[in-house]
Structure formats: C-alpha cells, structure tokens
C-alpha cells in the first residue's frame, strides 16, 4: 500500500487512525510506504485562517476530529513541513513519527508550521536528530528532487486529492482509493487483493501448472 499525502492535509490526518488499524490488522501481509504529494507543490494555497477554520468545521462534522486553523499565520505553503519530513526520512527516519509530529503541531496545537524554523524544530525533535543535521538534509537538492518526483508521480495518476492509496498485490491487481479515510474502505480492498493471491497459491499447489506456464 503506497500512501500519497501532504503533511498538512486535514483529510490525511483524518485517515491516520484507519491506516494504523489496517496495518495492525494485516501485519506482515501488508507492505506500507508513504510518499509526499505536496498540495499545490507546496506553494501558498491561498486560504485565509477564517476560510480554513470553516472547512475544518465542515469536515470535522464528518470525521469527528476537531482541528485548528491557528497554524495559518503567514502566506507560505506547505513546503517546509513536507521537506522536513522527507529530509528526516533521508536520514533513516522512515516511519510515520516525524510527519505525524509535524501534522499534530500544526493541526492540533496551532503552531505556525509553515515557517521553516518551526518545521525544523518539530521535525528534529521528533526524529531525535540535531537541528544542524536536519537542516543540511532539508537543503540537500536530492531530497527536494525526491519530493518533487513523488508529487509528480501522484499528479500522473487519475486523481486530484490526498489521501490517495495505491494498493497492489503480487499477481498484478491494483486498487486505487482517493479521498478515502475510513478503515473499512481500505480493509475491504486489502482483503480482496490478499484473498486472490491466496486463491492462486492454493490452486497452484493442488494443480501444478503445465510446462511453460508460471
């Protein structure tokens, strides 16, 4: 399961409990990776704090999760929190810890994570890295190139919103869920893809393929 996200996306935040649930449920049967798909390429989204607060209230009425728009204190976009998460990954912090800490700092605590120094501070603390080491990685052109590449990869798919989940199996089946944030939606796709693989394996054991068939 490849999870395309923007660190600052409210809907990605709403999806996090579902991701945790399906990863626990399917365990080693589910390979998981997150990739940055920066909204508007990390540039200013053009939303006011008042407008964002209204959107959060609307989506919170569906998700049951209350967010704050207090983090919007400058015209900057989401580049710095996203690049901070990608930089931490480049230094070996490949799990969800850093990106979740950045999202929490902004969306729940109201910290102005759009500002580079705040994003650096939160990410370095969550990753257990020195500020200097993280800062150097954030300035590494290779890190920015990877983030732009994963964003372009997302843009090439037939979807426009995050979270997006690309779920595949060993026999070539592909499910894409865009905008999904509930565990039941993810789980039914994963279960179906897993069941088909097991069905192929069971048939192959009982009925070995003829020569030339793999």
N, C-alpha and C. Protein backbone atom coordinates (compact mmCIF):
# COMPACT_ATOMS: atom_id res chain seq x y z
N UNK A 1 0.85 -1.18 0.00
CA UNK A 1 0.00 0.00 0.00
C UNK A 1 0.88 1.23 0.00
N UNK A 2 0.80 2.04 -1.02
CA UNK A 2 1.51 3.30 -1.09
C UNK A 2 0.51 4.41 -0.74
N UNK A 3 0.89 5.21 0.21
CA UNK A 3 0.02 6.27 0.74
C UNK A 3 0.59 7.61 0.30
N UNK A 4 -0.15 8.32 -0.56
CA UNK A 4 0.25 9.64 -1.03
C UNK A 4 -0.40 10.69 -0.12
N UNK A 5 0.42 11.62 0.36
CA UNK A 5 -0.08 12.56 1.36
C UNK A 5 0.62 13.91 1.27
N UNK A 6 -0.03 14.90 1.83
CA UNK A 6 0.60 16.15 2.20
C UNK A 6 0.57 16.20 3.72
N UNK A 7 1.70 16.50 4.33
CA UNK A 7 1.79 16.51 5.79
C UNK A 7 0.71 17.38 6.41
N UNK A 8 0.34 18.47 5.73
CA UNK A 8 -0.61 19.41 6.30
C UNK A 8 -2.05 19.18 5.86
N UNK A 9 -2.32 18.11 5.15
CA UNK A 9 -3.68 17.84 4.70
C UNK A 9 -4.56 17.39 5.86
N UNK A 10 -5.68 18.06 6.05
CA UNK A 10 -6.61 17.65 7.11
C UNK A 10 -7.16 16.25 6.84
N UNK A 11 -7.47 15.96 5.59
CA UNK A 11 -8.05 14.66 5.28
C UNK A 11 -7.05 13.53 5.46
N UNK A 12 -5.77 13.82 5.24
CA UNK A 12 -4.75 12.82 5.55
C UNK A 12 -4.71 12.57 7.06
N UNK A 13 -4.85 13.64 7.83
CA UNK A 13 -4.89 13.49 9.29
C UNK A 13 -6.08 12.64 9.71
N UNK A 14 -7.22 12.87 9.07
CA UNK A 14 -8.40 12.06 9.39
C UNK A 14 -8.18 10.58 9.04
N UNK A 15 -7.33 10.31 8.05
CA UNK A 15 -7.10 8.93 7.60
C UNK A 15 -6.13 8.17 8.49
N UNK A 16 -5.37 8.87 9.32
CA UNK A 16 -4.32 8.20 10.09
C UNK A 16 -4.83 7.07 10.98
N UNK A 17 -5.94 7.22 11.71
CA UNK A 17 -6.42 6.10 12.51
C UNK A 17 -6.77 4.88 11.65
N UNK A 18 -7.28 5.11 10.46
CA UNK A 18 -7.61 4.00 9.56
C UNK A 18 -6.35 3.28 9.10
N UNK A 19 -5.31 4.05 8.79
CA UNK A 19 -4.05 3.45 8.37
C UNK A 19 -3.47 2.59 9.49
N UNK A 20 -3.48 3.13 10.69
CA UNK A 20 -2.97 2.37 11.83
C UNK A 20 -3.77 1.08 12.04
N UNK A 21 -5.07 1.17 11.85
CA UNK A 21 -5.93 0.00 12.06
C UNK A 21 -5.65 -1.09 11.04
N UNK A 22 -5.55 -0.73 9.76
CA UNK A 22 -5.34 -1.79 8.76
C UNK A 22 -3.92 -2.34 8.84
N UNK A 23 -2.96 -1.52 9.20
CA UNK A 23 -1.60 -2.04 9.36
C UNK A 23 -1.53 -3.05 10.50
N UNK A 24 -2.24 -2.77 11.58
CA UNK A 24 -2.29 -3.72 12.69
C UNK A 24 -3.03 -4.99 12.29
N UNK A 25 -4.12 -4.83 11.57
CA UNK A 25 -4.94 -5.98 11.19
C UNK A 25 -4.21 -6.92 10.24
N UNK A 26 -3.52 -6.37 9.25
CA UNK A 26 -2.91 -7.21 8.22
C UNK A 26 -1.44 -7.52 8.47
N UNK A 27 -0.84 -6.82 9.39
CA UNK A 27 0.51 -7.16 9.81
C UNK A 27 1.50 -7.31 8.66
N UNK A 28 2.23 -8.42 8.68
CA UNK A 28 3.28 -8.64 7.68
C UNK A 28 2.73 -8.91 6.29
N UNK A 29 1.43 -9.11 6.16
CA UNK A 29 0.83 -9.30 4.83
C UNK A 29 0.74 -7.98 4.06
N UNK A 30 0.95 -6.87 4.75
CA UNK A 30 0.79 -5.57 4.11
C UNK A 30 2.10 -4.78 4.15
N UNK A 31 2.71 -4.61 3.00
CA UNK A 31 3.85 -3.70 2.89
C UNK A 31 3.30 -2.28 2.75
N UNK A 32 3.92 -1.35 3.44
CA UNK A 32 3.38 0.01 3.53
C UNK A 32 4.49 1.03 3.29
N UNK A 33 4.18 2.06 2.53
CA UNK A 33 5.12 3.15 2.29
C UNK A 33 4.35 4.44 2.09
N UNK A 34 4.84 5.54 2.68
CA UNK A 34 4.22 6.83 2.43
C UNK A 34 5.09 7.65 1.49
N UNK A 35 4.43 8.46 0.66
CA UNK A 35 5.13 9.33 -0.27
C UNK A 35 4.47 10.71 -0.28
N UNK A 36 5.28 11.72 -0.35
CA UNK A 36 4.76 13.09 -0.36
C UNK A 36 4.12 13.41 -1.70
N UNK A 37 2.92 13.98 -1.64
CA UNK A 37 2.23 14.54 -2.81
C UNK A 37 1.80 15.94 -2.39
N UNK A 38 2.73 16.87 -2.48
CA UNK A 38 2.52 18.20 -1.91
C UNK A 38 1.39 18.95 -2.62
N UNK A 39 0.41 19.40 -1.83
CA UNK A 39 -0.70 20.18 -2.37
C UNK A 39 -0.15 21.47 -2.99
N UNK A 40 -0.55 21.72 -4.22
CA UNK A 40 -0.08 22.90 -4.96
C UNK A 40 1.45 22.98 -4.95
N UNK A 41 2.08 21.78 -4.97
CA UNK A 41 3.54 21.69 -4.99
C UNK A 41 4.18 22.41 -3.81
N UNK A 42 3.43 22.50 -2.71
CA UNK A 42 3.96 23.12 -1.51
C UNK A 42 3.87 24.64 -1.49
N UNK A 43 3.30 25.21 -2.54
CA UNK A 43 3.20 26.67 -2.64
C UNK A 43 1.96 27.18 -1.89
N UNK A 44 1.85 28.49 -1.67
CA UNK A 44 0.72 29.03 -0.91
C UNK A 44 -0.63 28.59 -1.47
N UNK A 45 -1.49 28.03 -0.64
CA UNK A 45 -2.79 27.55 -1.11
C UNK A 45 -3.81 28.66 -1.31
N UNK A 46 -3.55 29.84 -0.75
CA UNK A 46 -4.48 30.95 -0.92
C UNK A 46 -5.65 30.93 0.03
N UNK A 47 -5.56 30.16 1.13
CA UNK A 47 -6.64 30.08 2.09
C UNK A 47 -6.39 31.04 3.25
N UNK A 48 -7.42 31.70 3.71
CA UNK A 48 -7.31 32.50 4.91
C UNK A 48 -7.54 31.61 6.12
N UNK A 49 -7.13 32.09 7.28
CA UNK A 49 -7.37 31.33 8.50
C UNK A 49 -8.87 31.14 8.73
N UNK A 50 -9.64 32.18 8.45
CA UNK A 50 -11.09 32.09 8.64
C UNK A 50 -11.70 31.05 7.70
N UNK A 51 -11.28 31.08 6.44
CA UNK A 51 -11.81 30.12 5.48
C UNK A 51 -11.43 28.69 5.84
N UNK A 52 -10.17 28.49 6.26
CA UNK A 52 -9.73 27.15 6.63
C UNK A 52 -10.49 26.65 7.86
N UNK A 53 -10.74 27.54 8.81
CA UNK A 53 -11.48 27.15 10.01
C UNK A 53 -12.87 26.64 9.64
N UNK A 54 -13.49 27.29 8.66
CA UNK A 54 -14.82 26.83 8.21
C UNK A 54 -14.73 25.45 7.58
N UNK A 55 -13.71 25.24 6.74
CA UNK A 55 -13.53 23.93 6.11
C UNK A 55 -13.26 22.85 7.16
N UNK A 56 -12.47 23.19 8.17
CA UNK A 56 -12.19 22.21 9.22
C UNK A 56 -13.46 21.88 10.00
N UNK A 57 -14.30 22.88 10.22
CA UNK A 57 -15.55 22.62 10.93
C UNK A 57 -16.46 21.71 10.11
N UNK A 58 -16.51 21.97 8.79
CA UNK A 58 -17.34 21.13 7.92
C UNK A 58 -16.83 19.70 7.89
N UNK A 59 -15.53 19.50 7.63
CA UNK A 59 -15.00 18.14 7.54
C UNK A 59 -14.97 17.47 8.91
N UNK A 60 -14.80 18.25 9.98
CA UNK A 60 -14.84 17.67 11.30
C UNK A 60 -16.22 17.13 11.66
N UNK A 61 -17.25 17.69 11.07
CA UNK A 61 -18.60 17.18 11.31
C UNK A 61 -18.77 15.78 10.74
N UNK A 62 -17.91 15.42 9.77
CA UNK A 62 -17.95 14.09 9.17
C UNK A 62 -16.95 13.14 9.82
N UNK A 63 -15.76 13.67 10.13
CA UNK A 63 -14.70 12.80 10.65
C UNK A 63 -14.76 12.62 12.16
N UNK A 64 -15.36 13.59 12.86
CA UNK A 64 -15.38 13.54 14.31
C UNK A 64 -14.10 14.05 14.95
N UNK A 65 -13.18 14.60 14.13
CA UNK A 65 -11.90 15.10 14.63
C UNK A 65 -11.86 16.62 14.48
N UNK A 66 -11.56 17.30 15.56
CA UNK A 66 -11.55 18.77 15.56
C UNK A 66 -10.12 19.27 15.35
N UNK A 67 -9.94 20.09 14.33
CA UNK A 67 -8.64 20.69 14.02
C UNK A 67 -8.69 22.19 14.23
N UNK A 68 -7.53 22.80 14.34
CA UNK A 68 -7.45 24.26 14.45
C UNK A 68 -6.75 24.85 13.24
N UNK A 69 -7.23 26.00 12.82
CA UNK A 69 -6.59 26.72 11.70
C UNK A 69 -5.62 27.77 12.21
N UNK A 70 -5.30 27.76 13.50
CA UNK A 70 -4.42 28.78 14.07
C UNK A 70 -3.02 28.73 13.49
N UNK A 71 -2.65 27.59 12.88
CA UNK A 71 -1.30 27.46 12.31
C UNK A 71 -1.10 28.37 11.10
N UNK A 72 -2.18 28.83 10.48
CA UNK A 72 -2.06 29.69 9.30
C UNK A 72 -1.77 31.12 9.77
N UNK A 73 -0.49 31.44 9.80
CA UNK A 73 -0.07 32.76 10.28
C UNK A 73 0.83 33.47 9.28
N UNK A 74 0.95 32.90 8.09
CA UNK A 74 1.79 33.51 7.05
C UNK A 74 1.27 33.05 5.70
N UNK A 75 1.68 33.72 4.62
CA UNK A 75 1.19 33.34 3.29
C UNK A 75 1.93 32.15 2.69
N UNK A 76 2.85 31.54 3.43
CA UNK A 76 3.61 30.42 2.88
C UNK A 76 2.73 29.18 2.72
N UNK A 77 3.22 28.23 1.91
CA UNK A 77 2.50 27.00 1.68
C UNK A 77 2.98 25.89 2.61
N UNK A 78 2.96 24.66 2.11
CA UNK A 78 3.28 23.50 2.95
C UNK A 78 4.66 22.92 2.62
N UNK A 79 5.50 23.69 1.93
CA UNK A 79 6.80 23.18 1.52
C UNK A 79 7.65 22.76 2.71
N UNK A 80 7.79 23.61 3.72
CA UNK A 80 8.73 23.33 4.81
C UNK A 80 8.34 22.11 5.63
N UNK A 81 7.11 21.92 6.05
CA UNK A 81 6.82 20.69 6.79
C UNK A 81 6.99 19.44 5.94
N UNK A 82 6.65 19.53 4.66
CA UNK A 82 6.82 18.36 3.79
C UNK A 82 8.29 18.03 3.57
N UNK A 83 9.10 19.05 3.30
CA UNK A 83 10.52 18.79 3.06
C UNK A 83 11.21 18.36 4.35
N UNK A 84 10.73 18.82 5.50
CA UNK A 84 11.29 18.38 6.78
C UNK A 84 11.04 16.89 6.98
N UNK A 85 9.83 16.43 6.66
CA UNK A 85 9.52 15.00 6.78
C UNK A 85 10.37 14.18 5.81
N UNK A 86 10.51 14.67 4.58
CA UNK A 86 11.30 13.96 3.58
C UNK A 86 12.78 13.95 3.97
N UNK A 87 13.27 15.06 4.52
CA UNK A 87 14.66 15.13 4.96
C UNK A 87 14.93 14.14 6.09
N UNK A 88 14.01 14.05 7.06
CA UNK A 88 14.18 13.10 8.14
C UNK A 88 14.20 11.67 7.61
N UNK A 89 13.38 11.39 6.62
CA UNK A 89 13.38 10.04 6.03
C UNK A 89 14.74 9.76 5.38
N UNK A 90 15.32 10.77 4.73
CA UNK A 90 16.61 10.57 4.08
C UNK A 90 17.71 10.25 5.09
N UNK A 91 17.46 10.60 6.35
CA UNK A 91 18.43 10.34 7.42
C UNK A 91 18.07 9.08 8.21
N UNK A 92 17.18 8.27 7.64
CA UNK A 92 16.86 6.98 8.24
C UNK A 92 15.59 6.92 9.04
N UNK A 93 14.89 8.05 9.20
CA UNK A 93 13.65 8.06 9.97
C UNK A 93 12.48 7.79 9.01
N UNK A 94 12.33 6.51 8.65
CA UNK A 94 11.42 6.14 7.57
C UNK A 94 9.99 5.89 8.03
N UNK A 95 9.77 5.83 9.35
CA UNK A 95 8.41 5.53 9.81
C UNK A 95 7.56 6.80 9.79
N UNK A 96 6.41 6.76 10.46
CA UNK A 96 5.46 7.88 10.42
C UNK A 96 5.70 8.94 11.48
N UNK A 97 6.66 8.73 12.36
CA UNK A 97 6.81 9.56 13.55
C UNK A 97 6.96 11.05 13.23
N UNK A 98 7.85 11.38 12.31
CA UNK A 98 8.15 12.79 12.06
C UNK A 98 6.98 13.49 11.38
N UNK A 99 6.45 12.88 10.34
CA UNK A 99 5.35 13.56 9.63
C UNK A 99 4.12 13.71 10.52
N UNK A 100 3.87 12.74 11.40
CA UNK A 100 2.73 12.86 12.31
C UNK A 100 2.98 13.94 13.35
N UNK A 101 4.22 14.07 13.80
CA UNK A 101 4.54 15.13 14.76
C UNK A 101 4.34 16.51 14.15
N UNK A 102 4.73 16.66 12.90
CA UNK A 102 4.55 17.93 12.20
C UNK A 102 3.07 18.26 12.05
N UNK A 103 2.28 17.26 11.65
CA UNK A 103 0.85 17.48 11.48
C UNK A 103 0.19 17.83 12.82
N UNK A 104 0.56 17.11 13.86
CA UNK A 104 -0.03 17.38 15.18
C UNK A 104 0.31 18.79 15.66
N UNK A 105 1.57 19.18 15.47
CA UNK A 105 2.00 20.50 15.94
C UNK A 105 1.17 21.61 15.32
N UNK A 106 0.80 21.44 14.07
CA UNK A 106 0.03 22.48 13.39
C UNK A 106 -1.47 22.30 13.59
N UNK A 107 -1.99 21.15 13.22
CA UNK A 107 -3.44 20.96 13.12
C UNK A 107 -4.13 20.79 14.47
N UNK A 108 -3.38 20.37 15.49
CA UNK A 108 -3.97 20.24 16.82
C UNK A 108 -3.47 21.30 17.80
N UNK A 109 -2.17 21.66 17.66
CA UNK A 109 -1.59 22.62 18.60
C UNK A 109 -1.55 24.05 18.06
N UNK A 110 -1.80 24.22 16.77
CA UNK A 110 -1.86 25.55 16.17
C UNK A 110 -0.52 26.22 15.95
N UNK A 111 0.56 25.45 15.94
CA UNK A 111 1.88 26.05 15.73
C UNK A 111 2.05 26.43 14.26
N UNK A 112 2.72 27.55 13.96
CA UNK A 112 2.86 28.01 12.57
C UNK A 112 3.90 27.20 11.80
N UNK A 113 3.54 25.99 11.47
CA UNK A 113 4.47 25.03 10.88
C UNK A 113 4.90 25.41 9.47
N UNK A 114 4.20 26.37 8.85
CA UNK A 114 4.62 26.84 7.54
C UNK A 114 5.99 27.50 7.59
N UNK A 115 6.36 28.00 8.75
CA UNK A 115 7.63 28.68 8.90
C UNK A 115 8.76 27.66 9.06
N UNK A 116 9.83 27.88 8.33
CA UNK A 116 10.89 26.89 8.30
C UNK A 116 11.45 26.57 9.68
N UNK A 117 11.71 27.57 10.51
CA UNK A 117 12.34 27.30 11.80
C UNK A 117 11.45 26.45 12.69
N UNK A 118 10.13 26.64 12.60
CA UNK A 118 9.21 25.82 13.40
C UNK A 118 9.19 24.39 12.87
N UNK A 119 9.12 24.22 11.55
CA UNK A 119 9.13 22.88 10.96
C UNK A 119 10.42 22.15 11.32
N UNK A 120 11.53 22.84 11.25
CA UNK A 120 12.82 22.24 11.61
C UNK A 120 12.83 21.77 13.06
N UNK A 121 12.37 22.64 13.94
CA UNK A 121 12.38 22.32 15.37
C UNK A 121 11.55 21.09 15.67
N UNK A 122 10.33 21.07 15.15
CA UNK A 122 9.42 19.95 15.43
C UNK A 122 9.97 18.66 14.83
N UNK A 123 10.44 18.71 13.60
CA UNK A 123 10.94 17.51 12.94
C UNK A 123 12.20 16.97 13.60
N UNK A 124 13.12 17.86 13.94
CA UNK A 124 14.37 17.42 14.57
C UNK A 124 14.11 16.75 15.91
N UNK A 125 13.20 17.34 16.70
CA UNK A 125 12.88 16.75 17.99
C UNK A 125 12.22 15.38 17.82
N UNK A 126 11.27 15.29 16.91
CA UNK A 126 10.56 14.02 16.70
C UNK A 126 11.50 12.94 16.18
N UNK A 127 12.46 13.33 15.36
CA UNK A 127 13.39 12.37 14.76
C UNK A 127 14.56 12.04 15.68
N UNK A 128 14.76 12.85 16.71
CA UNK A 128 15.93 12.65 17.55
C UNK A 128 17.22 13.02 16.84
N UNK A 129 17.15 14.04 15.98
CA UNK A 129 18.29 14.48 15.20
C UNK A 129 18.71 15.88 15.64
N UNK A 130 19.97 16.20 15.39
CA UNK A 130 20.40 17.57 15.67
C UNK A 130 19.78 18.50 14.63
N UNK A 131 19.53 19.74 15.05
CA UNK A 131 18.94 20.72 14.13
C UNK A 131 19.85 20.94 12.92
N UNK A 132 21.16 20.95 13.15
CA UNK A 132 22.09 21.18 12.05
C UNK A 132 22.03 20.05 11.02
N UNK A 133 21.93 18.83 11.49
CA UNK A 133 21.89 17.69 10.56
C UNK A 133 20.61 17.69 9.75
N UNK A 134 19.49 17.96 10.41
CA UNK A 134 18.22 18.01 9.67
C UNK A 134 18.22 19.17 8.69
N UNK A 135 18.73 20.31 9.11
CA UNK A 135 18.76 21.50 8.25
C UNK A 135 19.57 21.21 6.97
N UNK A 136 20.69 20.54 7.12
CA UNK A 136 21.51 20.21 5.96
C UNK A 136 20.76 19.30 5.00
N UNK A 137 20.01 18.35 5.54
CA UNK A 137 19.24 17.44 4.69
C UNK A 137 18.11 18.18 3.98
N UNK A 138 17.49 19.14 4.67
CA UNK A 138 16.42 19.92 4.05
C UNK A 138 16.95 20.75 2.88
N UNK A 139 18.23 21.12 2.95
CA UNK A 139 18.84 21.90 1.88
C UNK A 139 19.49 21.03 0.81
N UNK A 140 19.47 19.72 0.99
CA UNK A 140 20.06 18.80 0.03
C UNK A 140 19.19 18.74 -1.22
N UNK A 141 19.72 19.10 -2.40
CA UNK A 141 18.91 19.06 -3.62
C UNK A 141 18.30 17.69 -3.90
N UNK A 142 18.98 16.63 -3.49
CA UNK A 142 18.45 15.29 -3.74
C UNK A 142 17.14 15.04 -2.99
N UNK A 143 17.03 15.62 -1.79
CA UNK A 143 15.80 15.46 -1.01
C UNK A 143 14.64 16.17 -1.69
N UNK A 144 14.87 17.41 -2.13
CA UNK A 144 13.84 18.15 -2.85
C UNK A 144 13.46 17.45 -4.15
N UNK A 145 14.44 16.86 -4.82
CA UNK A 145 14.17 16.14 -6.08
C UNK A 145 13.27 14.95 -5.83
N UNK A 146 13.53 14.21 -4.75
CA UNK A 146 12.68 13.05 -4.43
C UNK A 146 11.25 13.49 -4.13
N UNK A 147 11.11 14.59 -3.40
CA UNK A 147 9.77 15.05 -3.05
C UNK A 147 9.02 15.53 -4.29
N UNK A 148 9.71 16.22 -5.16
CA UNK A 148 9.06 16.66 -6.40
C UNK A 148 8.71 15.46 -7.27
N UNK A 149 9.56 14.43 -7.26
CA UNK A 149 9.29 13.24 -8.07
C UNK A 149 8.06 12.49 -7.57
N UNK A 150 7.93 12.34 -6.25
CA UNK A 150 6.76 11.63 -5.73
C UNK A 150 5.49 12.45 -5.94
N UNK A 151 5.61 13.78 -5.87
CA UNK A 151 4.46 14.64 -6.17
C UNK A 151 4.06 14.50 -7.63
N UNK A 152 5.04 14.49 -8.53
CA UNK A 152 4.75 14.33 -9.96
C UNK A 152 4.15 12.95 -10.24
N UNK A 153 4.64 11.95 -9.53
CA UNK A 153 4.09 10.59 -9.66
C UNK A 153 2.62 10.58 -9.30
N UNK A 154 2.28 11.28 -8.24
CA UNK A 154 0.87 11.39 -7.84
C UNK A 154 0.07 12.14 -8.89
N UNK A 155 0.61 13.25 -9.39
CA UNK A 155 -0.10 14.05 -10.38
C UNK A 155 -0.38 13.27 -11.67
N UNK A 156 0.43 12.27 -11.95
CA UNK A 156 0.24 11.48 -13.17
C UNK A 156 -0.90 10.48 -13.04
N UNK A 157 -1.40 10.27 -11.84
CA UNK A 157 -2.50 9.32 -11.64
C UNK A 157 -3.84 10.01 -11.88
N UNK A 158 -4.87 9.23 -12.13
CA UNK A 158 -6.19 9.82 -12.39
C UNK A 158 -6.92 10.19 -11.09
N UNK A 159 -6.31 11.08 -10.31
CA UNK A 159 -6.93 11.54 -9.08
C UNK A 159 -6.37 12.92 -8.76
N UNK A 160 -7.04 13.64 -7.90
CA UNK A 160 -6.63 15.02 -7.62
C UNK A 160 -6.49 15.33 -6.15
N UNK A 161 -6.91 14.44 -5.26
CA UNK A 161 -6.90 14.77 -3.84
C UNK A 161 -6.13 13.73 -3.03
N UNK A 162 -5.58 14.21 -1.93
CA UNK A 162 -4.99 13.32 -0.94
C UNK A 162 -5.94 13.25 0.26
N UNK A 163 -5.97 12.14 0.99
CA UNK A 163 -5.11 10.98 0.83
C UNK A 163 -5.50 10.13 -0.38
N UNK A 164 -4.49 9.54 -1.02
CA UNK A 164 -4.71 8.55 -2.06
C UNK A 164 -3.91 7.31 -1.71
N UNK A 165 -4.53 6.17 -1.88
CA UNK A 165 -3.90 4.89 -1.57
C UNK A 165 -3.84 4.05 -2.83
N UNK A 166 -2.65 3.59 -3.18
CA UNK A 166 -2.46 2.69 -4.31
C UNK A 166 -2.11 1.33 -3.72
N UNK A 167 -3.03 0.39 -3.86
CA UNK A 167 -2.90 -0.92 -3.21
C UNK A 167 -2.75 -1.98 -4.29
N UNK A 168 -1.67 -2.75 -4.24
CA UNK A 168 -1.39 -3.75 -5.27
C UNK A 168 -1.07 -5.09 -4.61
N UNK A 169 -1.07 -6.14 -5.43
CA UNK A 169 -0.64 -7.45 -4.93
C UNK A 169 0.32 -8.11 -5.92
N UNK A 170 0.78 -9.31 -5.57
CA UNK A 170 1.81 -9.98 -6.36
C UNK A 170 1.32 -10.46 -7.72
N UNK A 171 0.02 -10.54 -7.92
CA UNK A 171 -0.49 -11.05 -9.20
C UNK A 171 -0.93 -9.93 -10.14
N UNK A 172 -0.60 -8.68 -9.76
CA UNK A 172 -0.82 -7.57 -10.67
C UNK A 172 -2.11 -6.81 -10.52
N UNK A 173 -2.91 -7.16 -9.51
CA UNK A 173 -4.15 -6.41 -9.29
C UNK A 173 -3.83 -5.06 -8.64
N UNK A 174 -4.61 -4.06 -8.97
CA UNK A 174 -4.39 -2.71 -8.45
C UNK A 174 -5.73 -2.10 -8.03
N UNK A 175 -5.77 -1.59 -6.81
CA UNK A 175 -6.92 -0.79 -6.34
C UNK A 175 -6.40 0.60 -5.99
N UNK A 176 -7.11 1.64 -6.41
CA UNK A 176 -6.75 2.99 -6.03
C UNK A 176 -7.93 3.63 -5.32
N UNK A 177 -7.68 4.12 -4.12
CA UNK A 177 -8.70 4.81 -3.35
C UNK A 177 -8.22 6.25 -3.13
N UNK A 178 -8.97 7.21 -3.63
CA UNK A 178 -8.58 8.61 -3.48
C UNK A 178 -9.64 9.32 -2.67
N UNK A 179 -9.20 9.97 -1.59
CA UNK A 179 -10.12 10.65 -0.70
C UNK A 179 -10.69 9.75 0.39
N UNK A 180 -10.31 8.47 0.40
CA UNK A 180 -10.81 7.55 1.42
C UNK A 180 -10.10 7.82 2.74
N UNK A 181 -10.84 7.73 3.84
CA UNK A 181 -10.23 7.96 5.14
C UNK A 181 -10.80 7.04 6.21
N UNK A 182 -11.60 6.05 5.82
CA UNK A 182 -12.18 5.12 6.77
C UNK A 182 -11.54 3.73 6.63
N UNK A 183 -11.34 3.08 7.75
CA UNK A 183 -10.65 1.78 7.75
C UNK A 183 -11.38 0.74 6.93
N UNK A 184 -12.71 0.76 6.98
CA UNK A 184 -13.46 -0.27 6.25
C UNK A 184 -13.23 -0.20 4.75
N UNK A 185 -13.02 1.00 4.22
CA UNK A 185 -12.78 1.14 2.79
C UNK A 185 -11.42 0.56 2.41
N UNK A 186 -10.40 0.85 3.21
CA UNK A 186 -9.08 0.30 2.95
C UNK A 186 -9.06 -1.22 3.16
N UNK A 187 -9.67 -1.65 4.25
CA UNK A 187 -9.59 -3.07 4.62
C UNK A 187 -10.23 -3.98 3.58
N UNK A 188 -11.36 -3.57 3.02
CA UNK A 188 -12.03 -4.45 2.06
C UNK A 188 -11.19 -4.61 0.80
N UNK A 189 -10.48 -3.56 0.39
CA UNK A 189 -9.62 -3.67 -0.78
C UNK A 189 -8.42 -4.57 -0.50
N UNK A 190 -7.79 -4.34 0.65
CA UNK A 190 -6.63 -5.15 1.01
C UNK A 190 -7.03 -6.62 1.14
N UNK A 191 -8.15 -6.89 1.79
CA UNK A 191 -8.61 -8.27 1.98
C UNK A 191 -8.88 -8.96 0.65
N UNK A 192 -9.50 -8.24 -0.26
CA UNK A 192 -9.81 -8.82 -1.57
C UNK A 192 -8.53 -9.16 -2.34
N UNK A 193 -7.56 -8.24 -2.31
CA UNK A 193 -6.30 -8.49 -3.02
C UNK A 193 -5.54 -9.64 -2.38
N UNK A 194 -5.55 -9.70 -1.06
CA UNK A 194 -4.88 -10.80 -0.37
C UNK A 194 -5.56 -12.14 -0.65
N UNK A 195 -6.88 -12.14 -0.65
CA UNK A 195 -7.62 -13.38 -0.89
C UNK A 195 -7.34 -13.93 -2.28
N UNK A 196 -7.22 -13.05 -3.27
CA UNK A 196 -6.94 -13.52 -4.62
C UNK A 196 -5.55 -14.15 -4.73
N UNK A 197 -4.58 -13.56 -4.05
CA UNK A 197 -3.23 -14.15 -4.05
C UNK A 197 -3.27 -15.53 -3.41
N UNK A 198 -3.94 -15.66 -2.30
CA UNK A 198 -4.04 -16.95 -1.62
C UNK A 198 -4.80 -17.97 -2.46
N UNK A 199 -5.81 -17.49 -3.19
CA UNK A 199 -6.54 -18.39 -4.07
C UNK A 199 -5.65 -18.94 -5.17
N UNK A 200 -4.83 -18.09 -5.76
CA UNK A 200 -3.88 -18.54 -6.79
C UNK A 200 -2.91 -19.56 -6.20
N UNK A 201 -2.41 -19.27 -5.00
CA UNK A 201 -1.43 -20.16 -4.37
C UNK A 201 -2.05 -21.52 -4.07
N UNK A 202 -3.27 -21.52 -3.56
CA UNK A 202 -3.93 -22.78 -3.22
C UNK A 202 -4.19 -23.61 -4.48
N UNK A 203 -4.63 -22.96 -5.54
CA UNK A 203 -4.90 -23.69 -6.78
C UNK A 203 -3.59 -24.26 -7.34
N UNK A 204 -2.52 -23.46 -7.29
CA UNK A 204 -1.25 -23.92 -7.84
C UNK A 204 -0.68 -25.12 -7.11
N UNK A 205 -0.90 -25.19 -5.81
CA UNK A 205 -0.43 -26.33 -5.04
C UNK A 205 -1.21 -27.59 -5.38
N UNK A 206 -2.51 -27.44 -5.58
CA UNK A 206 -3.36 -28.60 -5.90
C UNK A 206 -3.28 -28.98 -7.36
N UNK A 207 -2.99 -28.02 -8.22
CA UNK A 207 -2.95 -28.25 -9.66
C UNK A 207 -1.70 -27.58 -10.24
N UNK A 208 -0.56 -28.26 -10.16
CA UNK A 208 0.68 -27.66 -10.68
C UNK A 208 0.52 -27.25 -12.13
N UNK A 209 1.08 -26.09 -12.50
CA UNK A 209 0.92 -25.64 -13.88
C UNK A 209 1.70 -26.51 -14.87
N UNK A 210 1.22 -26.59 -16.09
CA UNK A 210 1.92 -27.37 -17.11
C UNK A 210 3.24 -26.69 -17.49
N UNK A 211 4.13 -27.36 -18.16
CA UNK A 211 5.39 -26.75 -18.57
C UNK A 211 5.17 -25.47 -19.37
N UNK A 212 5.99 -24.47 -19.07
CA UNK A 212 5.89 -23.20 -19.80
C UNK A 212 4.91 -22.23 -19.19
N UNK A 213 4.17 -22.62 -18.18
CA UNK A 213 3.21 -21.73 -17.51
C UNK A 213 3.74 -21.43 -16.12
N UNK A 214 3.82 -20.15 -15.80
CA UNK A 214 4.31 -19.75 -14.49
C UNK A 214 3.24 -19.01 -13.71
